[in-house]
mmCIF file of all heavy atoms, coordinates in Angstrom:
data_MODEL
# 
_entry.id   MODEL 
# 
loop_
_atom_site.group_PDB 
_atom_site.id 
_atom_site.type_symbol 
_atom_site.label_atom_id 
_atom_site.label_alt_id 
_atom_site.label_comp_id 
_atom_site.label_asym_id 
_atom_site.label_entity_id 
_atom_site.label_seq_id 
_atom_site.pdbx_PDB_ins_code 
_atom_site.Cartn_x 
_atom_site.Cartn_y 
_atom_site.Cartn_z 
_atom_site.occupancy 
_atom_site.B_iso_or_equiv 
_atom_site.pdbx_formal_charge 
_atom_site.auth_seq_id 
_atom_site.auth_comp_id 
_atom_site.auth_asym_id 
_atom_site.auth_atom_id 
_atom_site.pdbx_PDB_model_num 
ATOM 1   N N   . VAL A 1 1  ? 97.161  95.182  88.361  1.00 0.00 ? 1  VAL A N   1 
ATOM 2   C CA  . VAL A 1 1  ? 97.075  94.365  89.606  1.00 0.00 ? 1  VAL A CA  1 
ATOM 3   C C   . VAL A 1 1  ? 98.071  93.210  89.468  1.00 0.00 ? 1  VAL A C   1 
ATOM 4   O O   . VAL A 1 1  ? 98.849  92.889  90.359  1.00 0.00 ? 1  VAL A O   1 
ATOM 5   C CB  . VAL A 1 1  ? 95.698  93.877  89.797  1.00 0.00 ? 1  VAL A CB  1 
ATOM 6   C CG1 . VAL A 1 1  ? 95.659  92.949  91.072  1.00 0.00 ? 1  VAL A CG1 1 
ATOM 7   C CG2 . VAL A 1 1  ? 94.711  95.074  90.061  1.00 0.00 ? 1  VAL A CG2 1 
ATOM 8   N N   . ALA A 1 2  ? 98.014  92.526  88.331  1.00 0.00 ? 2  ALA A N   1 
ATOM 9   C CA  . ALA A 1 2  ? 98.917  91.365  88.065  1.00 0.00 ? 2  ALA A CA  1 
ATOM 10  C C   . ALA A 1 2  ? 100.382 91.779  88.128  1.00 0.00 ? 2  ALA A C   1 
ATOM 11  O O   . ALA A 1 2  ? 101.186 90.977  88.594  1.00 0.00 ? 2  ALA A O   1 
ATOM 12  C CB  . ALA A 1 2  ? 98.556  90.745  86.739  1.00 0.00 ? 2  ALA A CB  1 
ATOM 13  N N   . LYS A 1 3  ? 100.692 92.986  87.682  1.00 0.00 ? 3  LYS A N   1 
ATOM 14  C CA  . LYS A 1 3  ? 102.085 93.450  87.671  1.00 0.00 ? 3  LYS A CA  1 
ATOM 15  C C   . LYS A 1 3  ? 102.545 93.964  89.039  1.00 0.00 ? 3  LYS A C   1 
ATOM 16  O O   . LYS A 1 3  ? 103.729 94.255  89.171  1.00 0.00 ? 3  LYS A O   1 
ATOM 17  C CB  . LYS A 1 3  ? 102.277 94.588  86.641  1.00 0.00 ? 3  LYS A CB  1 
ATOM 18  C CG  . LYS A 1 3  ? 102.110 94.082  85.209  1.00 0.00 ? 3  LYS A CG  1 
ATOM 19  C CD  . LYS A 1 3  ? 101.918 95.224  84.241  1.00 0.00 ? 3  LYS A CD  1 
ATOM 20  C CE  . LYS A 1 3  ? 103.204 96.076  84.150  1.00 0.00 ? 3  LYS A CE  1 
ATOM 21  N NZ  . LYS A 1 3  ? 103.038 97.144  83.120  1.00 0.00 ? 3  LYS A NZ  1 
ATOM 22  N N   . GLY A 1 4  ? 101.637 93.994  90.013  1.00 0.00 ? 4  GLY A N   1 
ATOM 23  C CA  . GLY A 1 4  ? 102.009 94.450  91.300  1.00 0.00 ? 4  GLY A CA  1 
ATOM 24  C C   . GLY A 1 4  ? 102.004 95.969  91.483  1.00 0.00 ? 4  GLY A C   1 
ATOM 25  O O   . GLY A 1 4  ? 102.446 96.509  92.478  1.00 0.00 ? 4  GLY A O   1 
ATOM 26  N N   . GLU A 1 5  ? 101.500 96.691  90.460  1.00 0.00 ? 5  GLU A N   1 
ATOM 27  C CA  . GLU A 1 5  ? 101.455 98.148  90.566  1.00 0.00 ? 5  GLU A CA  1 
ATOM 28  C C   . GLU A 1 5  ? 100.266 98.667  91.224  1.00 0.00 ? 5  GLU A C   1 
ATOM 29  O O   . GLU A 1 5  ? 100.230 99.843  91.685  1.00 0.00 ? 5  GLU A O   1 
ATOM 30  C CB  . GLU A 1 5  ? 101.595 98.680  89.122  1.00 0.00 ? 5  GLU A CB  1 
ATOM 31  C CG  . GLU A 1 5  ? 102.893 98.371  88.463  1.00 0.00 ? 5  GLU A CG  1 
ATOM 32  C CD  . GLU A 1 5  ? 102.933 98.592  86.965  1.00 0.00 ? 5  GLU A CD  1 
ATOM 33  O OE1 . GLU A 1 5  ? 101.869 98.877  86.405  1.00 0.00 ? 5  GLU A OE1 1 
ATOM 34  O OE2 . GLU A 1 5  ? 104.024 98.566  86.442  1.00 0.00 ? 5  GLU A OE2 1 
ATOM 35  N N   . ILE A 1 6  ? 99.215  97.869  91.297  1.00 0.00 ? 6  ILE A N   1 
ATOM 36  C CA  . ILE A 1 6  ? 97.986  98.204  92.151  1.00 0.00 ? 6  ILE A CA  1 
ATOM 37  C C   . ILE A 1 6  ? 97.780  96.946  93.038  1.00 0.00 ? 6  ILE A C   1 
ATOM 38  O O   . ILE A 1 6  ? 97.661  95.842  92.552  1.00 0.00 ? 6  ILE A O   1 
ATOM 39  C CB  . ILE A 1 6  ? 96.743  98.362  91.284  1.00 0.00 ? 6  ILE A CB  1 
ATOM 40  C CG1 . ILE A 1 6  ? 96.895  99.662  90.388  1.00 0.00 ? 6  ILE A CG1 1 
ATOM 41  C CG2 . ILE A 1 6  ? 95.525  98.535  92.160  1.00 0.00 ? 6  ILE A CG2 1 
ATOM 42  C CD1 . ILE A 1 6  ? 95.739  99.897  89.497  1.00 0.00 ? 6  ILE A CD1 1 
ATOM 43  N N   . ALA A 1 7  ? 97.803  97.169  94.331  1.00 0.00 ? 7  ALA A N   1 
ATOM 44  C CA  . ALA A 1 7  ? 97.636  96.082  95.291  1.00 0.00 ? 7  ALA A CA  1 
ATOM 45  C C   . ALA A 1 7  ? 96.241  95.517  95.137  1.00 0.00 ? 7  ALA A C   1 
ATOM 46  O O   . ALA A 1 7  ? 95.260  96.214  94.922  1.00 0.00 ? 7  ALA A O   1 
ATOM 47  C CB  . ALA A 1 7  ? 97.902  96.541  96.683  1.00 0.00 ? 7  ALA A CB  1 
ATOM 48  N N   . PRO A 1 8  ? 96.068  94.196  95.309  1.00 0.00 ? 8  PRO A N   1 
ATOM 49  C CA  . PRO A 1 8  ? 94.777  93.575  95.268  1.00 0.00 ? 8  PRO A CA  1 
ATOM 50  C C   . PRO A 1 8  ? 93.797  94.220  96.313  1.00 0.00 ? 8  PRO A C   1 
ATOM 51  O O   . PRO A 1 8  ? 92.594  94.408  96.038  1.00 0.00 ? 8  PRO A O   1 
ATOM 52  C CB  . PRO A 1 8  ? 95.010  92.131  95.576  1.00 0.00 ? 8  PRO A CB  1 
ATOM 53  C CG  . PRO A 1 8  ? 96.389  91.882  95.101  1.00 0.00 ? 8  PRO A CG  1 
ATOM 54  C CD  . PRO A 1 8  ? 97.170  93.184  95.389  1.00 0.00 ? 8  PRO A CD  1 
ATOM 55  N N   . THR A 1 9  ? 94.332  94.556  97.459  1.00 0.00 ? 9  THR A N   1 
ATOM 56  C CA  . THR A 1 9  ? 93.469  95.208  98.448  1.00 0.00 ? 9  THR A CA  1 
ATOM 57  C C   . THR A 1 9  ? 93.012  96.586  98.008  1.00 0.00 ? 9  THR A C   1 
ATOM 58  O O   . THR A 1 9  ? 91.919  96.996  98.360  1.00 0.00 ? 9  THR A O   1 
ATOM 59  C CB  . THR A 1 9  ? 94.198  95.315  99.795  1.00 0.00 ? 9  THR A CB  1 
ATOM 60  O OG1 . THR A 1 9  ? 95.538  95.930  99.580  1.00 0.00 ? 9  THR A OG1 1 
ATOM 61  C CG2 . THR A 1 9  ? 94.395  93.978  100.484 1.00 0.00 ? 9  THR A CG2 1 
ATOM 62  N N   . ALA A 1 10 ? 93.857  97.253  97.215  1.00 0.00 ? 10 ALA A N   1 
ATOM 63  C CA  . ALA A 1 10 ? 93.430  98.537  96.648  1.00 0.00 ? 10 ALA A CA  1 
ATOM 64  C C   . ALA A 1 10 ? 92.418  98.318  95.557  1.00 0.00 ? 10 ALA A C   1 
ATOM 65  O O   . ALA A 1 10 ? 91.492  99.147  95.405  1.00 0.00 ? 10 ALA A O   1 
ATOM 66  C CB  . ALA A 1 10 ? 94.682  99.311  96.133  1.00 0.00 ? 10 ALA A CB  1 
ATOM 67  N N   . ALA A 1 11 ? 92.635  97.283  94.759  1.00 0.00 ? 11 ALA A N   1 
ATOM 68  C CA  . ALA A 1 11 ? 91.712  97.018  93.652  1.00 0.00 ? 11 ALA A CA  1 
ATOM 69  C C   . ALA A 1 11 ? 90.301  96.757  94.160  1.00 0.00 ? 11 ALA A C   1 
ATOM 70  O O   . ALA A 1 11 ? 89.259  97.064  93.525  1.00 0.00 ? 11 ALA A O   1 
ATOM 71  C CB  . ALA A 1 11 ? 92.178  95.785  92.900  1.00 0.00 ? 11 ALA A CB  1 
ATOM 72  N N   . LYS A 1 12 ? 90.153  96.184  95.372  1.00 0.00 ? 12 LYS A N   1 
ATOM 73  C CA  . LYS A 1 12 ? 88.832  95.962  95.982  1.00 0.00 ? 12 LYS A CA  1 
ATOM 74  C C   . LYS A 1 12 ? 88.101  97.286  96.143  1.00 0.00 ? 12 LYS A C   1 
ATOM 75  O O   . LYS A 1 12 ? 86.867  97.345  95.986  1.00 0.00 ? 12 LYS A O   1 
ATOM 76  C CB  . LYS A 1 12 ? 88.984  95.247  97.369  1.00 0.00 ? 12 LYS A CB  1 
ATOM 77  C CG  . LYS A 1 12 ? 89.320  93.776  97.260  1.00 0.00 ? 12 LYS A CG  1 
ATOM 78  C CD  . LYS A 1 12 ? 89.050  93.095  98.568  1.00 0.00 ? 12 LYS A CD  1 
ATOM 79  C CE  . LYS A 1 12 ? 89.930  93.652  99.682  1.00 0.00 ? 12 LYS A CE  1 
ATOM 80  N NZ  . LYS A 1 12 ? 89.727  92.939  100.984 1.00 0.00 ? 12 LYS A NZ  1 
ATOM 81  N N   . HIS A 1 13 ? 88.848  98.385  96.498  1.00 0.00 ? 13 HIS A N   1 
ATOM 82  C CA  . HIS A 1 13 ? 88.147  99.635  96.686  1.00 0.00 ? 13 HIS A CA  1 
ATOM 83  C C   . HIS A 1 13 ? 87.904  100.331 95.341  1.00 0.00 ? 13 HIS A C   1 
ATOM 84  O O   . HIS A 1 13 ? 86.826  100.962 95.168  1.00 0.00 ? 13 HIS A O   1 
ATOM 85  C CB  . HIS A 1 13 ? 89.004  100.538 97.583  1.00 0.00 ? 13 HIS A CB  1 
ATOM 86  C CG  . HIS A 1 13 ? 89.189  100.016 98.953  1.00 0.00 ? 13 HIS A CG  1 
ATOM 87  N ND1 . HIS A 1 13 ? 88.097  99.945  99.851  1.00 0.00 ? 13 HIS A ND1 1 
ATOM 88  C CD2 . HIS A 1 13 ? 90.253  99.540  99.639  1.00 0.00 ? 13 HIS A CD2 1 
ATOM 89  C CE1 . HIS A 1 13 ? 88.523  99.380  100.973 1.00 0.00 ? 13 HIS A CE1 1 
ATOM 90  N NE2 . HIS A 1 13 ? 89.807  99.172  100.915 1.00 0.00 ? 13 HIS A NE2 1 
ATOM 91  N N   . ILE A 1 14 ? 88.821  100.168 94.395  1.00 0.00 ? 14 ILE A N   1 
ATOM 92  C CA  . ILE A 1 14 ? 88.503  100.709 93.057  1.00 0.00 ? 14 ILE A CA  1 
ATOM 93  C C   . ILE A 1 14 ? 87.304  100.065 92.471  1.00 0.00 ? 14 ILE A C   1 
ATOM 94  O O   . ILE A 1 14 ? 86.458  100.714 91.805  1.00 0.00 ? 14 ILE A O   1 
ATOM 95  C CB  . ILE A 1 14 ? 89.771  100.410 92.136  1.00 0.00 ? 14 ILE A CB  1 
ATOM 96  C CG1 . ILE A 1 14 ? 90.978  101.242 92.650  1.00 0.00 ? 14 ILE A CG1 1 
ATOM 97  C CG2 . ILE A 1 14 ? 89.431  100.752 90.695  1.00 0.00 ? 14 ILE A CG2 1 
ATOM 98  C CD1 . ILE A 1 14 ? 92.236  100.922 91.902  1.00 0.00 ? 14 ILE A CD1 1 
ATOM 99  N N   . ALA A 1 15 ? 87.134  98.758  92.713  1.00 0.00 ? 15 ALA A N   1 
ATOM 100 C CA  . ALA A 1 15 ? 85.982  97.958  92.221  1.00 0.00 ? 15 ALA A CA  1 
ATOM 101 C C   . ALA A 1 15 ? 84.642  98.441  92.802  1.00 0.00 ? 15 ALA A C   1 
ATOM 102 O O   . ALA A 1 15 ? 83.630  97.992  92.337  1.00 0.00 ? 15 ALA A O   1 
ATOM 103 C CB  . ALA A 1 15 ? 86.232  96.514  92.362  1.00 0.00 ? 15 ALA A CB  1 
ATOM 104 N N   . ARG A 1 16 ? 84.681  99.211  93.895  1.00 0.00 ? 16 ARG A N   1 
ATOM 105 C CA  . ARG A 1 16 ? 83.427  99.677  94.474  1.00 0.00 ? 16 ARG A CA  1 
ATOM 106 C C   . ARG A 1 16 ? 82.793  100.717 93.610  1.00 0.00 ? 16 ARG A C   1 
ATOM 107 O O   . ARG A 1 16 ? 81.606  101.009 93.785  1.00 0.00 ? 16 ARG A O   1 
ATOM 108 C CB  . ARG A 1 16 ? 83.748  100.295 95.907  1.00 0.00 ? 16 ARG A CB  1 
ATOM 109 C CG  . ARG A 1 16 ? 84.144  99.270  96.903  1.00 0.00 ? 16 ARG A CG  1 
ATOM 110 C CD  . ARG A 1 16 ? 84.783  99.951  98.098  1.00 0.00 ? 16 ARG A CD  1 
ATOM 111 N NE  . ARG A 1 16 ? 83.962  101.008 98.617  1.00 0.00 ? 16 ARG A NE  1 
ATOM 112 C CZ  . ARG A 1 16 ? 84.410  101.974 99.492  1.00 0.00 ? 16 ARG A CZ  1 
ATOM 113 N NH1 . ARG A 1 16 ? 85.684  102.014 99.771  1.00 0.00 ? 16 ARG A NH1 1 
ATOM 114 N NH2 . ARG A 1 16 ? 83.606  102.938 99.862  1.00 0.00 ? 16 ARG A NH2 1 
ATOM 115 N N   . LEU A 1 17 ? 83.547  101.316 92.703  1.00 0.00 ? 17 LEU A N   1 
ATOM 116 C CA  . LEU A 1 17 ? 83.018  102.359 91.781  1.00 0.00 ? 17 LEU A CA  1 
ATOM 117 C C   . LEU A 1 17 ? 82.564  101.713 90.538  1.00 0.00 ? 17 LEU A C   1 
ATOM 118 O O   . LEU A 1 17 ? 82.886  100.562 90.222  1.00 0.00 ? 17 LEU A O   1 
ATOM 119 C CB  . LEU A 1 17 ? 84.097  103.400 91.532  1.00 0.00 ? 17 LEU A CB  1 
ATOM 120 C CG  . LEU A 1 17 ? 84.723  104.098 92.757  1.00 0.00 ? 17 LEU A CG  1 
ATOM 121 C CD1 . LEU A 1 17 ? 85.719  105.108 92.343  1.00 0.00 ? 17 LEU A CD1 1 
ATOM 122 C CD2 . LEU A 1 17 ? 83.622  104.695 93.639  1.00 0.00 ? 17 LEU A CD2 1 
ATOM 123 N N   . ALA A 1 18 ? 81.781  102.512 89.786  1.00 0.00 ? 18 ALA A N   1 
ATOM 124 C CA  . ALA A 1 18 ? 81.254  102.029 88.545  1.00 0.00 ? 18 ALA A CA  1 
ATOM 125 C C   . ALA A 1 18 ? 81.761  102.869 87.355  1.00 0.00 ? 18 ALA A C   1 
ATOM 126 O O   . ALA A 1 18 ? 82.169  103.992 87.541  1.00 0.00 ? 18 ALA A O   1 
ATOM 127 C CB  . ALA A 1 18 ? 79.710  102.070 88.553  1.00 0.00 ? 18 ALA A CB  1 
ATOM 128 N N   . GLY A 1 19 ? 81.740  102.235 86.169  1.00 0.00 ? 19 GLY A N   1 
ATOM 129 C CA  . GLY A 1 19 ? 82.020  102.983 84.921  1.00 0.00 ? 19 GLY A CA  1 
ATOM 130 C C   . GLY A 1 19 ? 83.371  103.645 84.925  1.00 0.00 ? 19 GLY A C   1 
ATOM 131 O O   . GLY A 1 19 ? 84.355  103.111 85.379  1.00 0.00 ? 19 GLY A O   1 
ATOM 132 N N   . GLU A 1 20 ? 83.383  104.833 84.399  1.00 0.00 ? 20 GLU A N   1 
ATOM 133 C CA  . GLU A 1 20 ? 84.637  105.578 84.204  1.00 0.00 ? 20 GLU A CA  1 
ATOM 134 C C   . GLU A 1 20 ? 85.345  105.903 85.503  1.00 0.00 ? 20 GLU A C   1 
ATOM 135 O O   . GLU A 1 20 ? 86.533  106.042 85.510  1.00 0.00 ? 20 GLU A O   1 
ATOM 136 C CB  . GLU A 1 20 ? 84.358  106.879 83.396  1.00 0.00 ? 20 GLU A CB  1 
ATOM 137 C CG  . GLU A 1 20 ? 85.605  107.610 83.002  1.00 0.00 ? 20 GLU A CG  1 
ATOM 138 C CD  . GLU A 1 20 ? 85.301  108.941 82.285  1.00 0.00 ? 20 GLU A CD  1 
ATOM 139 O OE1 . GLU A 1 20 ? 84.579  109.771 82.818  1.00 0.00 ? 20 GLU A OE1 1 
ATOM 140 O OE2 . GLU A 1 20 ? 85.836  109.111 81.141  1.00 0.00 ? 20 GLU A OE2 1 
ATOM 141 N N   . ALA A 1 21 ? 84.549  106.105 86.557  1.00 0.00 ? 21 ALA A N   1 
ATOM 142 C CA  . ALA A 1 21 ? 85.178  106.432 87.839  1.00 0.00 ? 21 ALA A CA  1 
ATOM 143 C C   . ALA A 1 21 ? 86.185  105.330 88.253  1.00 0.00 ? 21 ALA A C   1 
ATOM 144 O O   . ALA A 1 21 ? 87.210  105.681 88.915  1.00 0.00 ? 21 ALA A O   1 
ATOM 145 C CB  . ALA A 1 21 ? 84.095  106.551 88.921  1.00 0.00 ? 21 ALA A CB  1 
ATOM 146 N N   . ARG A 1 22 ? 85.943  104.102 87.969  1.00 0.00 ? 22 ARG A N   1 
ATOM 147 C CA  . ARG A 1 22 ? 86.907  103.029 88.289  1.00 0.00 ? 22 ARG A CA  1 
ATOM 148 C C   . ARG A 1 22 ? 88.209  103.233 87.633  1.00 0.00 ? 22 ARG A C   1 
ATOM 149 O O   . ARG A 1 22 ? 89.263  103.164 88.194  1.00 0.00 ? 22 ARG A O   1 
ATOM 150 C CB  . ARG A 1 22 ? 86.346  101.688 87.911  1.00 0.00 ? 22 ARG A CB  1 
ATOM 151 C CG  . ARG A 1 22 ? 85.145  101.212 88.703  1.00 0.00 ? 22 ARG A CG  1 
ATOM 152 C CD  . ARG A 1 22 ? 84.722  99.863  88.167  1.00 0.00 ? 22 ARG A CD  1 
ATOM 153 N NE  . ARG A 1 22 ? 84.270  99.928  86.758  1.00 0.00 ? 22 ARG A NE  1 
ATOM 154 C CZ  . ARG A 1 22 ? 83.866  98.854  86.089  1.00 0.00 ? 22 ARG A CZ  1 
ATOM 155 N NH1 . ARG A 1 22 ? 83.787  97.680  86.672  1.00 0.00 ? 22 ARG A NH1 1 
ATOM 156 N NH2 . ARG A 1 22 ? 83.532  98.958  84.844  1.00 0.00 ? 22 ARG A NH2 1 
ATOM 157 N N   . LEU A 1 23 ? 88.138  103.566 86.315  1.00 0.00 ? 23 LEU A N   1 
ATOM 158 C CA  . LEU A 1 23 ? 89.338  103.797 85.520  1.00 0.00 ? 23 LEU A CA  1 
ATOM 159 C C   . LEU A 1 23 ? 90.139  104.994 86.039  1.00 0.00 ? 23 LEU A C   1 
ATOM 160 O O   . LEU A 1 23 ? 91.311  104.999 86.205  1.00 0.00 ? 23 LEU A O   1 
ATOM 161 C CB  . LEU A 1 23 ? 88.990  103.977 84.075  1.00 0.00 ? 23 LEU A CB  1 
ATOM 162 C CG  . LEU A 1 23 ? 88.456  102.742 83.354  1.00 0.00 ? 23 LEU A CG  1 
ATOM 163 C CD1 . LEU A 1 23 ? 87.787  103.171 82.030  1.00 0.00 ? 23 LEU A CD1 1 
ATOM 164 C CD2 . LEU A 1 23 ? 89.529  101.700 83.135  1.00 0.00 ? 23 LEU A CD2 1 
ATOM 165 N N   . LEU A 1 24 ? 89.380  106.056 86.301  1.00 0.00 ? 24 LEU A N   1 
ATOM 166 C CA  . LEU A 1 24 ? 90.023  107.336 86.719  1.00 0.00 ? 24 LEU A CA  1 
ATOM 167 C C   . LEU A 1 24 ? 90.714  107.143 88.065  1.00 0.00 ? 24 LEU A C   1 
ATOM 168 O O   . LEU A 1 24 ? 91.790  107.663 88.294  1.00 0.00 ? 24 LEU A O   1 
ATOM 169 C CB  . LEU A 1 24 ? 89.011  108.511 86.794  1.00 0.00 ? 24 LEU A CB  1 
ATOM 170 C CG  . LEU A 1 24 ? 88.412  108.880 85.454  1.00 0.00 ? 24 LEU A CG  1 
ATOM 171 C CD1 . LEU A 1 24 ? 87.371  109.979 85.666  1.00 0.00 ? 24 LEU A CD1 1 
ATOM 172 C CD2 . LEU A 1 24 ? 89.527  109.329 84.494  1.00 0.00 ? 24 LEU A CD2 1 
ATOM 173 N N   . LEU A 1 25 ? 90.090  106.425 89.008  1.00 0.00 ? 25 LEU A N   1 
ATOM 174 C CA  . LEU A 1 25 ? 90.704  106.181 90.307  1.00 0.00 ? 25 LEU A CA  1 
ATOM 175 C C   . LEU A 1 25 ? 91.922  105.332 90.170  1.00 0.00 ? 25 LEU A C   1 
ATOM 176 O O   . LEU A 1 25 ? 92.957  105.543 90.781  1.00 0.00 ? 25 LEU A O   1 
ATOM 177 C CB  . LEU A 1 25 ? 89.716  105.564 91.293  1.00 0.00 ? 25 LEU A CB  1 
ATOM 178 C CG  . LEU A 1 25 ? 90.215  105.292 92.689  1.00 0.00 ? 25 LEU A CG  1 
ATOM 179 C CD1 . LEU A 1 25 ? 90.932  106.451 93.279  1.00 0.00 ? 25 LEU A CD1 1 
ATOM 180 C CD2 . LEU A 1 25 ? 89.142  104.729 93.576  1.00 0.00 ? 25 LEU A CD2 1 
ATOM 181 N N   . ALA A 1 26 ? 91.812  104.324 89.324  1.00 0.00 ? 26 ALA A N   1 
ATOM 182 C CA  . ALA A 1 26 ? 92.985  103.423 89.058  1.00 0.00 ? 26 ALA A CA  1 
ATOM 183 C C   . ALA A 1 26 ? 94.199  104.253 88.497  1.00 0.00 ? 26 ALA A C   1 
ATOM 184 O O   . ALA A 1 26 ? 95.349  104.068 88.941  1.00 0.00 ? 26 ALA A O   1 
ATOM 185 C CB  . ALA A 1 26 ? 92.623  102.295 88.106  1.00 0.00 ? 26 ALA A CB  1 
ATOM 186 N N   . TRP A 1 27 ? 93.885  105.091 87.562  1.00 0.00 ? 27 TRP A N   1 
ATOM 187 C CA  . TRP A 1 27 ? 95.064  105.846 86.890  1.00 0.00 ? 27 TRP A CA  1 
ATOM 188 C C   . TRP A 1 27 ? 95.554  106.861 87.882  1.00 0.00 ? 27 TRP A C   1 
ATOM 189 O O   . TRP A 1 27 ? 96.769  107.048 87.944  1.00 0.00 ? 27 TRP A O   1 
ATOM 190 C CB  . TRP A 1 27 ? 94.527  106.575 85.664  1.00 0.00 ? 27 TRP A CB  1 
ATOM 191 C CG  . TRP A 1 27 ? 93.828  105.686 84.648  1.00 0.00 ? 27 TRP A CG  1 
ATOM 192 C CD1 . TRP A 1 27 ? 92.886  106.131 83.723  1.00 0.00 ? 27 TRP A CD1 1 
ATOM 193 C CD2 . TRP A 1 27 ? 94.004  104.335 84.345  1.00 0.00 ? 27 TRP A CD2 1 
ATOM 194 N NE1 . TRP A 1 27 ? 92.490  105.085 82.945  1.00 0.00 ? 27 TRP A NE1 1 
ATOM 195 C CE2 . TRP A 1 27 ? 93.183  103.956 83.307  1.00 0.00 ? 27 TRP A CE2 1 
ATOM 196 C CE3 . TRP A 1 27 ? 94.799  103.363 84.922  1.00 0.00 ? 27 TRP A CE3 1 
ATOM 197 C CZ2 . TRP A 1 27 ? 93.047  102.684 82.827  1.00 0.00 ? 27 TRP A CZ2 1 
ATOM 198 C CZ3 . TRP A 1 27 ? 94.750  102.026 84.461  1.00 0.00 ? 27 TRP A CZ3 1 
ATOM 199 C CH2 . TRP A 1 27 ? 93.905  101.718 83.385  1.00 0.00 ? 27 TRP A CH2 1 
ATOM 200 N N   . ALA A 1 28 ? 94.716  107.456 88.747  1.00 0.00 ? 28 ALA A N   1 
ATOM 201 C CA  . ALA A 1 28 ? 95.148  108.374 89.713  1.00 0.00 ? 28 ALA A CA  1 
ATOM 202 C C   . ALA A 1 28 ? 96.084  107.649 90.762  1.00 0.00 ? 28 ALA A C   1 
ATOM 203 O O   . ALA A 1 28 ? 97.068  108.227 91.214  1.00 0.00 ? 28 ALA A O   1 
ATOM 204 C CB  . ALA A 1 28 ? 94.029  109.071 90.426  1.00 0.00 ? 28 ALA A CB  1 
# 
């Protein structure tokens, strides 16, 4: 997020998930 590779607005939706799902969605 800090590097600008994931938009903060996108991070808000990734953060809706829990556990490993957050990581997997971010990497995808």
